Amino acid sequence: MTDQPEIMIVNGPNLNMLGTREPHIYGHESLADVEAMCNERAAILGVAIDFRQSNFEGELVTMIQSARGAAAGIIINPAGYTHTSVAILDALRLTELPVIELHLSNPHTREDFRHRSYVSATARGIICGFGSHGYVLAVDAMARVIDAA
């Protein structure tokens, strides 16, 4: 257990395939590389990271629920569930925590169905289109949100 505020970073389906899945869209870094970048930045900012991934919607809901009372904020890359999951939206709301929505690509420059996000209804802010560096930006932003609370 740490005395540092904890940021839960939740990654949705197919993000375990980063680095091999459509690198022209999602980049060449693996999810482990992204986690290392987040931990490195968190150490500088004095926050802790709880980094998770699942391909299963119910598992993601359970992860998010576990943040209530344990984390100071949630960064979520819901991936394909961005556009379909009311359950993830409801779980995020029930935590009563600040939420930052994150996407490697910019969904607004892609197919029309990607323009709708259920998660945005609860997000304090959205970071998209910066590839893996977006995770570092999200950690910076959440640390500021936590510090201001």
N, C-alpha and C. Protein backbone atom coordinates (compact mmCIF):
# COMPACT_ATOMS: atom_id res chain seq x y z
N MET A 1 0.85 -1.19 0.00
CA MET A 1 0.00 0.00 0.00
C MET A 1 0.89 1.24 0.00
N THR A 2 0.45 2.24 -0.73
CA THR A 2 1.23 3.46 -0.85
C THR A 2 0.47 4.63 -0.25
N ASP A 3 1.21 5.64 0.19
CA ASP A 3 0.59 6.86 0.69
C ASP A 3 0.28 7.82 -0.46
N GLN A 4 0.74 7.48 -1.64
CA GLN A 4 0.50 8.33 -2.80
C GLN A 4 -0.92 8.14 -3.32
N PRO A 5 -1.54 9.20 -3.84
CA PRO A 5 -2.83 9.02 -4.48
C PRO A 5 -2.69 8.07 -5.66
N GLU A 6 -3.70 7.24 -5.86
CA GLU A 6 -3.63 6.24 -6.92
C GLU A 6 -4.57 6.59 -8.07
N ILE A 7 -4.05 6.44 -9.26
CA ILE A 7 -4.83 6.61 -10.49
C ILE A 7 -5.01 5.24 -11.10
N MET A 8 -6.26 4.84 -11.28
CA MET A 8 -6.52 3.59 -11.98
C MET A 8 -6.58 3.89 -13.48
N ILE A 9 -5.81 3.14 -14.25
CA ILE A 9 -5.86 3.25 -15.70
C ILE A 9 -6.46 1.96 -16.24
N VAL A 10 -7.62 2.10 -16.88
CA VAL A 10 -8.38 0.96 -17.38
C VAL A 10 -8.31 0.94 -18.90
N ASN A 11 -7.93 -0.20 -19.43
CA ASN A 11 -7.78 -0.38 -20.87
C ASN A 11 -8.74 -1.45 -21.36
N GLY A 12 -9.49 -1.13 -22.40
CA GLY A 12 -10.50 -2.03 -22.92
C GLY A 12 -9.99 -3.04 -23.94
N PRO A 13 -10.93 -3.60 -24.69
CA PRO A 13 -10.63 -4.73 -25.57
C PRO A 13 -9.63 -4.39 -26.68
N ASN A 14 -8.81 -5.38 -26.97
CA ASN A 14 -7.81 -5.37 -28.03
C ASN A 14 -6.57 -4.52 -27.72
N LEU A 15 -6.60 -3.79 -26.60
CA LEU A 15 -5.41 -2.98 -26.28
C LEU A 15 -4.24 -3.86 -25.84
N ASN A 16 -4.52 -5.09 -25.46
CA ASN A 16 -3.43 -6.03 -25.18
C ASN A 16 -2.64 -6.36 -26.45
N MET A 17 -3.15 -5.99 -27.60
CA MET A 17 -2.49 -6.25 -28.88
C MET A 17 -1.74 -5.03 -29.42
N LEU A 18 -1.60 -4.00 -28.60
CA LEU A 18 -0.86 -2.82 -29.04
C LEU A 18 0.53 -3.21 -29.51
N GLY A 19 0.98 -2.53 -30.52
CA GLY A 19 2.30 -2.80 -31.09
C GLY A 19 2.22 -3.74 -32.28
N THR A 20 1.20 -4.59 -32.30
CA THR A 20 1.02 -5.49 -33.44
C THR A 20 -0.27 -5.21 -34.19
N ARG A 21 -1.26 -4.69 -33.52
CA ARG A 21 -2.56 -4.40 -34.15
C ARG A 21 -2.52 -3.03 -34.82
N GLU A 22 -2.66 -3.00 -36.11
CA GLU A 22 -2.75 -1.78 -36.89
C GLU A 22 -1.80 -0.68 -36.37
N PRO A 23 -0.50 -0.93 -36.41
CA PRO A 23 0.44 0.06 -35.86
C PRO A 23 0.38 1.41 -36.57
N HIS A 24 -0.10 1.45 -37.79
CA HIS A 24 -0.25 2.73 -38.49
C HIS A 24 -1.33 3.60 -37.83
N ILE A 25 -2.22 2.99 -37.06
CA ILE A 25 -3.25 3.73 -36.33
C ILE A 25 -2.87 3.86 -34.85
N TYR A 26 -2.44 2.74 -34.25
CA TYR A 26 -2.27 2.68 -32.79
C TYR A 26 -0.82 2.76 -32.33
N GLY A 27 0.14 2.77 -33.23
CA GLY A 27 1.54 2.89 -32.85
C GLY A 27 2.23 1.56 -32.67
N HIS A 28 3.51 1.64 -32.38
CA HIS A 28 4.36 0.44 -32.28
C HIS A 28 4.64 0.03 -30.84
N GLU A 29 4.27 0.87 -29.86
CA GLU A 29 4.50 0.52 -28.46
C GLU A 29 3.53 -0.56 -28.02
N SER A 30 4.01 -1.45 -27.18
CA SER A 30 3.14 -2.47 -26.59
C SER A 30 2.42 -1.86 -25.38
N LEU A 31 1.42 -2.57 -24.88
CA LEU A 31 0.73 -2.11 -23.68
C LEU A 31 1.69 -2.06 -22.49
N ALA A 32 2.63 -3.00 -22.44
CA ALA A 32 3.66 -2.97 -21.38
C ALA A 32 4.52 -1.72 -21.50
N ASP A 33 4.83 -1.29 -22.71
CA ASP A 33 5.59 -0.05 -22.92
C ASP A 33 4.79 1.14 -22.40
N VAL A 34 3.50 1.15 -22.69
CA VAL A 34 2.63 2.24 -22.25
C VAL A 34 2.56 2.27 -20.72
N GLU A 35 2.41 1.10 -20.12
CA GLU A 35 2.38 1.03 -18.66
C GLU A 35 3.68 1.57 -18.06
N ALA A 36 4.81 1.22 -18.64
CA ALA A 36 6.10 1.72 -18.14
C ALA A 36 6.17 3.24 -18.25
N MET A 37 5.69 3.79 -19.36
CA MET A 37 5.67 5.25 -19.53
C MET A 37 4.81 5.91 -18.45
N CYS A 38 3.66 5.31 -18.16
CA CYS A 38 2.76 5.86 -17.14
C CYS A 38 3.40 5.81 -15.75
N ASN A 39 4.02 4.67 -15.44
CA ASN A 39 4.68 4.55 -14.13
C ASN A 39 5.83 5.52 -13.98
N GLU A 40 6.58 5.72 -15.06
CA GLU A 40 7.70 6.67 -15.02
C GLU A 40 7.19 8.08 -14.75
N ARG A 41 6.14 8.48 -15.46
CA ARG A 41 5.59 9.82 -15.26
C ARG A 41 4.96 9.96 -13.87
N ALA A 42 4.26 8.92 -13.43
CA ALA A 42 3.62 8.94 -12.12
C ALA A 42 4.64 9.12 -11.00
N ALA A 43 5.79 8.47 -11.12
CA ALA A 43 6.85 8.59 -10.11
C ALA A 43 7.31 10.04 -10.00
N ILE A 44 7.42 10.72 -11.12
CA ILE A 44 7.83 12.13 -11.12
C ILE A 44 6.77 13.00 -10.45
N LEU A 45 5.50 12.65 -10.67
CA LEU A 45 4.39 13.46 -10.16
C LEU A 45 3.96 13.10 -8.74
N GLY A 46 4.50 12.00 -8.20
CA GLY A 46 4.14 11.59 -6.84
C GLY A 46 2.79 10.92 -6.73
N VAL A 47 2.39 10.22 -7.79
CA VAL A 47 1.15 9.45 -7.76
C VAL A 47 1.48 7.99 -8.09
N ALA A 48 0.57 7.11 -7.73
CA ALA A 48 0.73 5.68 -8.04
C ALA A 48 -0.23 5.31 -9.16
N ILE A 49 0.12 4.28 -9.89
CA ILE A 49 -0.69 3.80 -11.01
C ILE A 49 -1.15 2.37 -10.74
N ASP A 50 -2.42 2.13 -10.98
CA ASP A 50 -2.99 0.78 -11.00
C ASP A 50 -3.43 0.56 -12.44
N PHE A 51 -2.64 -0.16 -13.22
CA PHE A 51 -2.81 -0.29 -14.67
C PHE A 51 -3.47 -1.63 -14.98
N ARG A 52 -4.61 -1.60 -15.67
CA ARG A 52 -5.36 -2.82 -15.93
C ARG A 52 -5.85 -2.88 -17.37
N GLN A 53 -6.14 -4.11 -17.83
CA GLN A 53 -6.71 -4.31 -19.17
C GLN A 53 -7.57 -5.55 -19.16
N SER A 54 -8.66 -5.48 -19.91
CA SER A 54 -9.49 -6.66 -20.13
C SER A 54 -10.19 -6.55 -21.48
N ASN A 55 -10.46 -7.69 -22.07
CA ASN A 55 -11.25 -7.76 -23.30
C ASN A 55 -12.73 -7.97 -23.00
N PHE A 56 -13.10 -8.08 -21.72
CA PHE A 56 -14.46 -8.44 -21.33
C PHE A 56 -15.15 -7.28 -20.62
N GLU A 57 -16.32 -6.92 -21.11
CA GLU A 57 -17.05 -5.77 -20.58
C GLU A 57 -17.35 -5.91 -19.08
N GLY A 58 -17.86 -7.07 -18.66
CA GLY A 58 -18.19 -7.26 -17.25
C GLY A 58 -16.98 -7.14 -16.35
N GLU A 59 -15.85 -7.64 -16.82
CA GLU A 59 -14.60 -7.53 -16.05
C GLU A 59 -14.19 -6.06 -15.92
N LEU A 60 -14.34 -5.30 -16.99
CA LEU A 60 -14.02 -3.87 -16.94
C LEU A 60 -14.93 -3.15 -15.94
N VAL A 61 -16.21 -3.50 -15.94
CA VAL A 61 -17.15 -2.90 -14.98
C VAL A 61 -16.71 -3.21 -13.55
N THR A 62 -16.32 -4.44 -13.28
CA THR A 62 -15.86 -4.82 -11.94
C THR A 62 -14.59 -4.05 -11.56
N MET A 63 -13.67 -3.90 -12.49
CA MET A 63 -12.45 -3.12 -12.23
C MET A 63 -12.81 -1.69 -11.84
N ILE A 64 -13.68 -1.08 -12.64
CA ILE A 64 -14.08 0.30 -12.39
C ILE A 64 -14.75 0.42 -11.03
N GLN A 65 -15.65 -0.49 -10.71
CA GLN A 65 -16.32 -0.46 -9.41
C GLN A 65 -15.32 -0.55 -8.26
N SER A 66 -14.26 -1.32 -8.44
CA SER A 66 -13.27 -1.49 -7.38
C SER A 66 -12.48 -0.21 -7.11
N ALA A 67 -12.53 0.74 -8.02
CA ALA A 67 -11.83 2.01 -7.82
C ALA A 67 -12.51 2.89 -6.78
N ARG A 68 -13.81 2.69 -6.59
CA ARG A 68 -14.56 3.49 -5.62
C ARG A 68 -13.97 3.27 -4.23
N GLY A 69 -13.52 4.33 -3.60
CA GLY A 69 -12.94 4.23 -2.27
C GLY A 69 -11.49 3.80 -2.27
N ALA A 70 -10.94 3.44 -3.42
CA ALA A 70 -9.55 2.97 -3.48
C ALA A 70 -8.66 3.90 -4.32
N ALA A 71 -9.21 4.46 -5.38
CA ALA A 71 -8.43 5.31 -6.28
C ALA A 71 -8.87 6.77 -6.13
N ALA A 72 -8.02 7.66 -6.60
CA ALA A 72 -8.34 9.08 -6.57
C ALA A 72 -8.92 9.55 -7.89
N GLY A 73 -8.76 8.73 -8.94
CA GLY A 73 -9.28 9.07 -10.25
C GLY A 73 -9.10 7.91 -11.21
N ILE A 74 -9.82 7.97 -12.33
CA ILE A 74 -9.77 6.91 -13.33
C ILE A 74 -9.44 7.52 -14.69
N ILE A 75 -8.47 6.93 -15.35
CA ILE A 75 -8.20 7.19 -16.76
C ILE A 75 -8.66 5.94 -17.49
N ILE A 76 -9.49 6.13 -18.51
CA ILE A 76 -10.01 4.96 -19.21
C ILE A 76 -9.87 5.11 -20.72
N ASN A 77 -9.32 4.08 -21.33
CA ASN A 77 -9.35 3.91 -22.77
C ASN A 77 -10.31 2.74 -23.01
N PRO A 78 -11.59 3.04 -23.22
CA PRO A 78 -12.57 1.98 -23.33
C PRO A 78 -12.53 1.25 -24.67
N ALA A 79 -11.71 1.71 -25.59
CA ALA A 79 -11.56 1.09 -26.90
C ALA A 79 -12.93 0.91 -27.55
N GLY A 80 -13.22 -0.27 -28.08
CA GLY A 80 -14.47 -0.50 -28.78
C GLY A 80 -15.71 -0.31 -27.93
N TYR A 81 -15.59 -0.43 -26.61
CA TYR A 81 -16.74 -0.23 -25.74
C TYR A 81 -17.12 1.24 -25.59
N THR A 82 -16.28 2.13 -26.07
CA THR A 82 -16.59 3.57 -26.05
C THR A 82 -17.96 3.83 -26.63
N HIS A 83 -18.24 3.14 -27.73
CA HIS A 83 -19.40 3.44 -28.55
C HIS A 83 -20.61 2.58 -28.24
N THR A 84 -20.48 1.67 -27.26
CA THR A 84 -21.56 0.70 -27.03
C THR A 84 -21.95 0.49 -25.58
N SER A 85 -21.11 0.86 -24.61
CA SER A 85 -21.31 0.36 -23.26
C SER A 85 -21.92 1.36 -22.28
N VAL A 86 -23.21 1.22 -22.08
CA VAL A 86 -23.89 1.97 -21.02
C VAL A 86 -23.44 1.43 -19.66
N ALA A 87 -23.13 0.14 -19.58
CA ALA A 87 -22.68 -0.47 -18.32
C ALA A 87 -21.38 0.18 -17.83
N ILE A 88 -20.45 0.44 -18.73
CA ILE A 88 -19.20 1.10 -18.33
C ILE A 88 -19.49 2.54 -17.90
N LEU A 89 -20.35 3.24 -18.63
CA LEU A 89 -20.76 4.59 -18.23
C LEU A 89 -21.34 4.57 -16.82
N ASP A 90 -22.26 3.66 -16.55
CA ASP A 90 -22.89 3.58 -15.24
C ASP A 90 -21.87 3.28 -14.14
N ALA A 91 -20.94 2.37 -14.41
CA ALA A 91 -19.90 2.04 -13.43
C ALA A 91 -19.03 3.25 -13.14
N LEU A 92 -18.65 3.99 -14.17
CA LEU A 92 -17.85 5.20 -13.96
C LEU A 92 -18.60 6.21 -13.10
N ARG A 93 -19.86 6.39 -13.37
CA ARG A 93 -20.66 7.34 -12.59
C ARG A 93 -20.74 6.94 -11.12
N LEU A 94 -20.94 5.65 -10.87
CA LEU A 94 -21.13 5.23 -9.48
C LEU A 94 -19.86 5.36 -8.64
N THR A 95 -18.71 5.43 -9.28
CA THR A 95 -17.47 5.61 -8.49
C THR A 95 -17.39 6.99 -7.87
N GLU A 96 -18.05 7.96 -8.49
CA GLU A 96 -17.99 9.36 -8.06
C GLU A 96 -16.57 9.91 -8.07
N LEU A 97 -15.76 9.39 -8.99
CA LEU A 97 -14.37 9.82 -9.14
C LEU A 97 -14.22 10.64 -10.42
N PRO A 98 -13.20 11.50 -10.47
CA PRO A 98 -12.92 12.16 -11.74
C PRO A 98 -12.46 11.13 -12.78
N VAL A 99 -12.92 11.33 -14.02
CA VAL A 99 -12.63 10.41 -15.11
C VAL A 99 -12.04 11.19 -16.28
N ILE A 100 -10.99 10.64 -16.84
CA ILE A 100 -10.44 11.15 -18.10
C ILE A 100 -10.58 10.04 -19.13
N GLU A 101 -11.23 10.38 -20.25
CA GLU A 101 -11.37 9.45 -21.37
C GLU A 101 -10.16 9.61 -22.28
N LEU A 102 -9.65 8.49 -22.75
CA LEU A 102 -8.41 8.49 -23.52
C LEU A 102 -8.55 7.60 -24.74
N HIS A 103 -8.01 8.08 -25.86
CA HIS A 103 -7.96 7.28 -27.10
C HIS A 103 -6.63 7.53 -27.78
N LEU A 104 -6.03 6.48 -28.30
CA LEU A 104 -4.77 6.59 -29.03
C LEU A 104 -4.96 7.37 -30.33
N SER A 105 -6.01 7.04 -31.06
CA SER A 105 -6.32 7.75 -32.30
C SER A 105 -7.38 8.81 -32.00
N ASN A 106 -7.70 9.60 -32.99
CA ASN A 106 -8.77 10.57 -32.83
C ASN A 106 -10.04 9.97 -33.44
N PRO A 107 -10.98 9.53 -32.61
CA PRO A 107 -12.17 8.87 -33.14
C PRO A 107 -13.01 9.76 -34.06
N HIS A 108 -12.87 11.07 -33.93
CA HIS A 108 -13.66 11.99 -34.74
C HIS A 108 -13.16 12.09 -36.17
N THR A 109 -11.98 11.54 -36.44
CA THR A 109 -11.46 11.53 -37.81
C THR A 109 -11.63 10.15 -38.46
N ARG A 110 -12.33 9.27 -37.76
CA ARG A 110 -12.49 7.89 -38.24
C ARG A 110 -13.94 7.63 -38.65
N GLU A 111 -14.34 6.39 -38.69
CA GLU A 111 -15.68 6.03 -39.12
C GLU A 111 -16.74 6.72 -38.27
N ASP A 112 -17.90 6.98 -38.88
CA ASP A 112 -18.98 7.69 -38.18
C ASP A 112 -19.38 7.05 -36.87
N PHE A 113 -19.42 5.71 -36.81
CA PHE A 113 -19.87 5.05 -35.58
C PHE A 113 -18.93 5.33 -34.41
N ARG A 114 -17.69 5.72 -34.69
CA ARG A 114 -16.74 6.03 -33.63
C ARG A 114 -16.91 7.44 -33.06
N HIS A 115 -17.78 8.23 -33.65
CA HIS A 115 -17.96 9.61 -33.19
C HIS A 115 -18.79 9.70 -31.92
N ARG A 116 -19.52 8.65 -31.57
CA ARG A 116 -20.37 8.63 -30.38
C ARG A 116 -19.64 7.93 -29.24
N SER A 117 -19.56 8.60 -28.09
CA SER A 117 -18.94 8.01 -26.91
C SER A 117 -19.89 8.10 -25.73
N TYR A 118 -20.21 6.94 -25.15
CA TYR A 118 -21.00 6.93 -23.92
C TYR A 118 -20.17 7.43 -22.75
N VAL A 119 -18.88 7.12 -22.75
CA VAL A 119 -17.99 7.48 -21.65
C VAL A 119 -17.86 9.00 -21.50
N SER A 120 -17.93 9.72 -22.60
CA SER A 120 -17.78 11.18 -22.56
C SER A 120 -18.79 11.85 -21.64
N ALA A 121 -19.94 11.22 -21.43
CA ALA A 121 -20.97 11.81 -20.57
C ALA A 121 -20.52 11.96 -19.13
N THR A 122 -19.50 11.23 -18.73
CA THR A 122 -19.01 11.31 -17.35
C THR A 122 -17.57 11.83 -17.25
N ALA A 123 -16.93 12.02 -18.39
CA ALA A 123 -15.50 12.40 -18.40
C ALA A 123 -15.29 13.87 -18.08
N ARG A 124 -14.32 14.13 -17.23
CA ARG A 124 -13.89 15.50 -16.94
C ARG A 124 -13.25 16.10 -18.19
N GLY A 125 -12.51 15.24 -18.92
CA GLY A 125 -11.86 15.66 -20.15
C GLY A 125 -11.56 14.46 -21.03
N ILE A 126 -11.21 14.74 -22.27
CA ILE A 126 -10.92 13.70 -23.25
C ILE A 126 -9.59 14.02 -23.92
N ILE A 127 -8.73 13.01 -23.98
CA ILE A 127 -7.45 13.14 -24.68
C ILE A 127 -7.45 12.12 -25.80
N CYS A 128 -7.27 12.59 -27.02
CA CYS A 128 -7.28 11.66 -28.15
C CYS A 128 -6.36 12.14 -29.26
N GLY A 129 -5.85 11.16 -30.01
CA GLY A 129 -5.08 11.48 -31.20
C GLY A 129 -3.59 11.64 -31.01
N PHE A 130 -3.08 11.43 -29.82
CA PHE A 130 -1.66 11.61 -29.55
C PHE A 130 -0.91 10.30 -29.39
N GLY A 131 -1.52 9.20 -29.79
CA GLY A 131 -0.87 7.91 -29.66
C GLY A 131 -0.60 7.59 -28.20
N SER A 132 0.46 6.84 -27.97
CA SER A 132 0.78 6.42 -26.60
C SER A 132 1.13 7.60 -25.69
N HIS A 133 1.59 8.70 -26.27
CA HIS A 133 1.90 9.88 -25.46
C HIS A 133 0.64 10.43 -24.78
N GLY A 134 -0.52 10.12 -25.32
CA GLY A 134 -1.77 10.53 -24.69
C GLY A 134 -1.90 10.01 -23.27
N TYR A 135 -1.34 8.82 -23.00
CA TYR A 135 -1.39 8.28 -21.64
C TYR A 135 -0.59 9.17 -20.69
N VAL A 136 0.56 9.64 -21.11
CA VAL A 136 1.37 10.53 -20.28
C VAL A 136 0.61 11.84 -20.04
N LEU A 137 -0.01 12.35 -21.09
CA LEU A 137 -0.81 13.58 -20.94
C LEU A 137 -1.96 13.36 -19.96
N ALA A 138 -2.58 12.19 -20.03
CA ALA A 138 -3.69 11.88 -19.13
C ALA A 138 -3.23 11.76 -17.68
N VAL A 139 -2.07 11.15 -17.45
CA VAL A 139 -1.52 11.05 -16.10
C VAL A 139 -1.23 12.46 -15.56
N ASP A 140 -0.65 13.31 -16.39
CA ASP A 140 -0.40 14.71 -15.99
C ASP A 140 -1.71 15.40 -15.62
N ALA A 141 -2.71 15.26 -16.47
CA ALA A 141 -3.98 15.94 -16.25
C ALA A 141 -4.66 15.41 -14.98
N MET A 142 -4.66 14.08 -14.79
CA MET A 142 -5.33 13.53 -13.60
C MET A 142 -4.58 13.93 -12.33
N ALA A 143 -3.26 13.97 -12.36
CA ALA A 143 -2.51 14.42 -11.20
C ALA A 143 -2.90 15.84 -10.81
N ARG A 144 -3.11 16.69 -11.80
CA ARG A 144 -3.55 18.06 -11.53
C ARG A 144 -4.95 18.10 -10.93
N VAL A 145 -5.84 17.28 -11.47
CA VAL A 145 -7.21 17.21 -10.95
C VAL A 145 -7.20 16.77 -9.49
N ILE A 146 -6.41 15.73 -9.22
CA ILE A 146 -6.32 15.20 -7.85
C ILE A 146 -5.73 16.26 -6.91
N ASP A 147 -4.69 16.93 -7.37
CA ASP A 147 -4.02 17.94 -6.56
C ASP A 147 -4.96 19.11 -6.24
N ALA A 148 -5.83 19.43 -7.18
CA ALA A 148 -6.75 20.55 -6.99
C ALA A 148 -7.95 20.20 -6.09
N ALA A 149 -8.16 18.91 -5.86
CA ALA A 149 -9.33 18.49 -5.07
C ALA A 149 -9.14 18.75 -3.59
